PDB file of all heavy atoms in Angstrom:
ATOM      1  N   GLY A   1      61.217 -37.096  56.830  1.00  0.00           N
ATOM      2  CA  GLY A   1      61.495 -36.846  58.215  1.00  0.00           C
ATOM      3  C   GLY A   1      60.194 -36.153  58.832  1.00  0.00           C
ATOM      4  O   GLY A   1      60.358 -35.666  60.113  1.00  0.00           O
ATOM      5  N   GLY A   2      59.114 -36.080  58.198  1.00  0.00           N
ATOM      6  CA  GLY A   2      57.901 -35.726  58.850  1.00  0.00           C
ATOM      7  C   GLY A   2      57.321 -34.307  58.365  1.00  0.00           C
ATOM      8  O   GLY A   2      56.331 -33.888  58.955  1.00  0.00           O
ATOM      9  N   ALA A   3      57.985 -33.649  57.519  1.00  0.00           N
ATOM     10  CA  ALA A   3      57.469 -32.273  57.030  1.00  0.00           C
ATOM     11  C   ALA A   3      56.278 -32.439  56.220  1.00  0.00           C
ATOM     12  O   ALA A   3      56.071 -33.477  55.622  1.00  0.00           O
ATOM     13  CB  ALA A   3      58.559 -31.646  56.245  1.00  0.00           C
ATOM     14  N   SER A   4      55.430 -31.429  56.258  1.00  0.00           N
ATOM     15  CA  SER A   4      54.103 -31.539  55.567  1.00  0.00           C
ATOM     16  C   SER A   4      54.233 -30.745  54.244  1.00  0.00           C
ATOM     17  O   SER A   4      54.894 -29.687  54.214  1.00  0.00           O
ATOM     18  CB  SER A   4      53.039 -30.900  56.391  1.00  0.00           C
ATOM     19  OG  SER A   4      51.857 -30.698  55.559  1.00  0.00           O
ATOM     20  N   MET A   5      53.560 -31.148  53.159  1.00  0.00           N
ATOM     21  CA  MET A   5      53.632 -30.501  51.853  1.00  0.00           C
ATOM     22  C   MET A   5      53.000 -29.245  52.010  1.00  0.00           C
ATOM     23  O   MET A   5      53.310 -28.242  51.253  1.00  0.00           O
ATOM     24  CB  MET A   5      52.963 -31.400  50.772  1.00  0.00           C
ATOM     25  CG  MET A   5      53.597 -32.615  50.543  1.00  0.00           C
ATOM     26  SD  MET A   5      52.685 -33.616  49.287  1.00  0.00           S
ATOM     27  CE  MET A   5      51.116 -33.950  50.228  1.00  0.00           C
ATOM     28  N   ALA A   6      52.068 -29.053  52.857  1.00  0.00           N
ATOM     29  CA  ALA A   6      51.299 -27.798  53.012  1.00  0.00           C
ATOM     30  C   ALA A   6      52.014 -26.725  53.773  1.00  0.00           C
ATOM     31  O   ALA A   6      51.542 -25.501  53.865  1.00  0.00           O
ATOM     32  CB  ALA A   6      49.963 -28.104  53.744  1.00  0.00           C
ATOM     33  N   GLY A   7      53.207 -27.147  54.431  1.00  0.00           N
ATOM     34  CA  GLY A   7      53.910 -26.166  55.232  1.00  0.00           C
ATOM     35  C   GLY A   7      53.438 -26.124  56.708  1.00  0.00           C
ATOM     36  O   GLY A   7      52.443 -26.714  57.105  1.00  0.00           O
ATOM     37  N   GLY A   8      54.295 -25.421  57.575  1.00  0.00           N
ATOM     38  CA  GLY A   8      53.940 -25.314  59.039  1.00  0.00           C
ATOM     39  C   GLY A   8      54.214 -26.448  59.840  1.00  0.00           C
ATOM     40  O   GLY A   8      54.125 -26.316  61.059  1.00  0.00           O
ATOM     41  N   VAL A   9      54.682 -27.613  59.299  1.00  0.00           N
ATOM     42  CA  VAL A   9      54.916 -28.752  60.107  1.00  0.00           C
ATOM     43  C   VAL A   9      56.316 -29.335  59.732  1.00  0.00           C
ATOM     44  O   VAL A   9      56.699 -29.385  58.562  1.00  0.00           O
ATOM     45  CB  VAL A   9      53.872 -29.843  59.870  1.00  0.00           C
ATOM     46  CG1 VAL A   9      54.108 -31.122  60.608  1.00  0.00           C
ATOM     47  CG2 VAL A   9      52.454 -29.369  60.349  1.00  0.00           C
ATOM     48  N   GLY A  10      57.037 -29.826  60.753  1.00  0.00           N
ATOM     49  CA  GLY A  10      58.391 -30.426  60.514  1.00  0.00           C
ATOM     50  C   GLY A  10      59.283 -29.929  61.614  1.00  0.00           C
ATOM     51  O   GLY A  10      59.149 -28.914  62.281  1.00  0.00           O
ATOM     52  N   THR A  11      60.382 -30.779  61.808  1.00  0.00           N
ATOM     53  CA  THR A  11      61.321 -30.375  62.760  1.00  0.00           C
ATOM     54  C   THR A  11      62.799 -30.633  62.182  1.00  0.00           C
ATOM     55  O   THR A  11      62.859 -31.352  61.273  1.00  0.00           O
ATOM     56  CB  THR A  11      61.363 -31.281  64.043  1.00  0.00           C
ATOM     57  OG1 THR A  11      61.434 -32.691  63.670  1.00  0.00           O
ATOM     58  CG2 THR A  11      59.946 -31.155  64.740  1.00  0.00           C
ATOM     59  N   ILE A  12      63.783 -29.929  62.696  1.00  0.00           N
ATOM     60  CA  ILE A  12      65.110 -30.117  62.214  1.00  0.00           C
ATOM     61  C   ILE A  12      65.428 -31.469  62.443  1.00  0.00           C
ATOM     62  O   ILE A  12      66.139 -32.117  61.576  1.00  0.00           O
ATOM     63  CB  ILE A  12      66.057 -29.042  62.966  1.00  0.00           C
ATOM     64  CG1 ILE A  12      65.723 -27.680  62.678  1.00  0.00           C
ATOM     65  CG2 ILE A  12      67.518 -29.358  62.525  1.00  0.00           C
ATOM     66  CD1 ILE A  12      65.770 -27.190  61.210  1.00  0.00           C
ATOM     67  N   VAL A  13      65.316 -32.034  63.630  1.00  0.00           N
ATOM     68  CA  VAL A  13      65.745 -33.370  64.021  1.00  0.00           C
ATOM     69  C   VAL A  13      65.086 -34.399  63.107  1.00  0.00           C
ATOM     70  O   VAL A  13      65.779 -35.354  62.595  1.00  0.00           O
ATOM     71  CB  VAL A  13      65.509 -33.685  65.483  1.00  0.00           C
ATOM     72  CG1 VAL A  13      65.746 -35.190  65.778  1.00  0.00           C
ATOM     73  CG2 VAL A  13      66.344 -32.870  66.410  1.00  0.00           C
ATOM     74  N   GLY A  14      63.764 -34.188  62.817  1.00  0.00           N
ATOM     75  CA  GLY A  14      63.093 -35.090  61.939  1.00  0.00           C
ATOM     76  C   GLY A  14      63.763 -35.139  60.502  1.00  0.00           C
ATOM     77  O   GLY A  14      63.943 -36.137  59.915  1.00  0.00           O
ATOM     78  N   ALA A  15      64.140 -33.881  59.969  1.00  0.00           N
ATOM     79  CA  ALA A  15      64.840 -33.820  58.682  1.00  0.00           C
ATOM     80  C   ALA A  15      66.174 -34.612  58.620  1.00  0.00           C
ATOM     81  O   ALA A  15      66.460 -35.218  57.749  1.00  0.00           O
ATOM     82  CB  ALA A  15      65.023 -32.272  58.278  1.00  0.00           C
ATOM     83  N   VAL A  16      66.854 -34.408  59.849  1.00  0.00           N
ATOM     84  CA  VAL A  16      68.153 -35.095  59.869  1.00  0.00           C
ATOM     85  C   VAL A  16      67.963 -36.700  59.992  1.00  0.00           C
ATOM     86  O   VAL A  16      68.611 -37.367  59.294  1.00  0.00           O
ATOM     87  CB  VAL A  16      68.943 -34.525  61.124  1.00  0.00           C
ATOM     88  CG1 VAL A  16      70.099 -35.472  61.463  1.00  0.00           C
ATOM     89  CG2 VAL A  16      69.238 -33.118  60.961  1.00  0.00           C
ATOM     90  N   ILE A  17      66.913 -37.151  60.643  1.00  0.00           N
ATOM     91  CA  ILE A  17      66.617 -38.540  60.773  1.00  0.00           C
ATOM     92  C   ILE A  17      66.107 -39.035  59.349  1.00  0.00           C
ATOM     93  O   ILE A  17      66.622 -40.082  58.865  1.00  0.00           O
ATOM     94  CB  ILE A  17      65.404 -38.888  61.683  1.00  0.00           C
ATOM     95  CG1 ILE A  17      66.003 -38.591  63.206  1.00  0.00           C
ATOM     96  CG2 ILE A  17      64.977 -40.179  61.639  1.00  0.00           C
ATOM     97  CD1 ILE A  17      64.878 -38.660  64.158  1.00  0.00           C
ATOM     98  N   GLY A  18      65.398 -38.207  58.650  1.00  0.00           N
ATOM     99  CA  GLY A  18      65.026 -38.496  57.191  1.00  0.00           C
ATOM    100  C   GLY A  18      66.233 -38.610  56.349  1.00  0.00           C
ATOM    101  O   GLY A  18      66.315 -39.661  55.535  1.00  0.00           O
ATOM    102  N   ALA A  19      67.164 -37.804  56.578  1.00  0.00           N
ATOM    103  CA  ALA A  19      68.416 -37.845  55.734  1.00  0.00           C
ATOM    104  C   ALA A  19      69.194 -39.117  56.068  1.00  0.00           C
ATOM    105  O   ALA A  19      69.739 -39.822  55.009  1.00  0.00           O
ATOM    106  CB  ALA A  19      69.320 -36.591  56.082  1.00  0.00           C
ATOM    107  N   PHE A  20      69.295 -39.507  57.281  1.00  0.00           N
ATOM    108  CA  PHE A  20      69.953 -40.737  57.595  1.00  0.00           C
ATOM    109  C   PHE A  20      69.237 -42.044  57.244  1.00  0.00           C
ATOM    110  O   PHE A  20      69.907 -43.006  56.989  1.00  0.00           O
ATOM    111  CB  PHE A  20      70.343 -40.776  59.206  1.00  0.00           C
ATOM    112  CG  PHE A  20      71.583 -40.006  59.445  1.00  0.00           C
ATOM    113  CD1 PHE A  20      71.558 -38.695  60.122  1.00  0.00           C
ATOM    114  CD2 PHE A  20      72.812 -40.515  59.015  1.00  0.00           C
ATOM    115  CE1 PHE A  20      72.734 -38.095  60.317  1.00  0.00           C
ATOM    116  CE2 PHE A  20      73.957 -39.795  59.238  1.00  0.00           C
ATOM    117  CZ  PHE A  20      73.923 -38.571  59.972  1.00  0.00           C
ATOM    118  N   ILE A  21      67.902 -41.913  57.259  1.00  0.00           N
ATOM    119  CA  ILE A  21      67.164 -43.022  56.628  1.00  0.00           C
ATOM    120  C   ILE A  21      67.557 -43.311  55.176  1.00  0.00           C
ATOM    121  O   ILE A  21      67.813 -44.366  54.684  1.00  0.00           O
ATOM    122  CB  ILE A  21      65.552 -42.847  56.832  1.00  0.00           C
ATOM    123  CG1 ILE A  21      65.137 -43.027  58.269  1.00  0.00           C
ATOM    124  CG2 ILE A  21      64.896 -43.714  55.845  1.00  0.00           C
ATOM    125  CD1 ILE A  21      63.719 -42.690  58.471  1.00  0.00           C
ATOM    126  N   MET A  22      67.653 -42.138  54.485  1.00  0.00           N
ATOM    127  CA  MET A  22      68.025 -42.243  53.024  1.00  0.00           C
ATOM    128  C   MET A  22      69.397 -42.828  53.008  1.00  0.00           C
ATOM    129  O   MET A  22      69.769 -43.640  52.188  1.00  0.00           O
ATOM    130  CB  MET A  22      67.983 -40.988  52.311  1.00  0.00           C
ATOM    131  CG  MET A  22      66.511 -40.278  52.276  1.00  0.00           C
ATOM    132  SD  MET A  22      65.505 -41.153  51.117  1.00  0.00           S
ATOM    133  CE  MET A  22      66.294 -40.633  49.487  1.00  0.00           C
ATOM    134  N   GLY A  23      70.318 -42.213  53.733  1.00  0.00           N
ATOM    135  CA  GLY A  23      71.704 -42.789  53.799  1.00  0.00           C
ATOM    136  C   GLY A  23      71.886 -44.174  54.159  1.00  0.00           C
ATOM    137  O   GLY A  23      72.710 -44.913  53.485  1.00  0.00           O
ATOM    138  N   VAL A  24      71.191 -44.624  55.163  1.00  0.00           N
ATOM    139  CA  VAL A  24      71.263 -46.118  55.592  1.00  0.00           C
ATOM    140  C   VAL A  24      70.728 -46.972  54.405  1.00  0.00           C
ATOM    141  O   VAL A  24      71.277 -47.932  54.192  1.00  0.00           O
ATOM    142  CB  VAL A  24      70.389 -46.282  56.929  1.00  0.00           C
ATOM    143  CG1 VAL A  24      70.342 -47.773  57.181  1.00  0.00           C
ATOM    144  CG2 VAL A  24      71.212 -45.535  58.136  1.00  0.00           C
ATOM    145  N   MET A  25      69.601 -46.557  53.772  1.00  0.00           N
ATOM    146  CA  MET A  25      69.141 -47.285  52.755  1.00  0.00           C
ATOM    147  C   MET A  25      70.050 -47.458  51.531  1.00  0.00           C
ATOM    148  O   MET A  25      70.411 -48.467  50.960  1.00  0.00           O
ATOM    149  CB  MET A  25      67.779 -46.713  52.276  1.00  0.00           C
ATOM    150  CG  MET A  25      66.555 -46.904  53.203  1.00  0.00           C
ATOM    151  SD  MET A  25      65.067 -45.984  52.596  1.00  0.00           S
ATOM    152  CE  MET A  25      64.864 -46.744  51.166  1.00  0.00           C
TER     153      MET A  25
END
């Protein structure tokens, strides 16, 4: 969903979209 391994970057909506990408797959 777009979060960075280094921290400081990412959004709630992005994480939710990432979860649904995994779910759709």
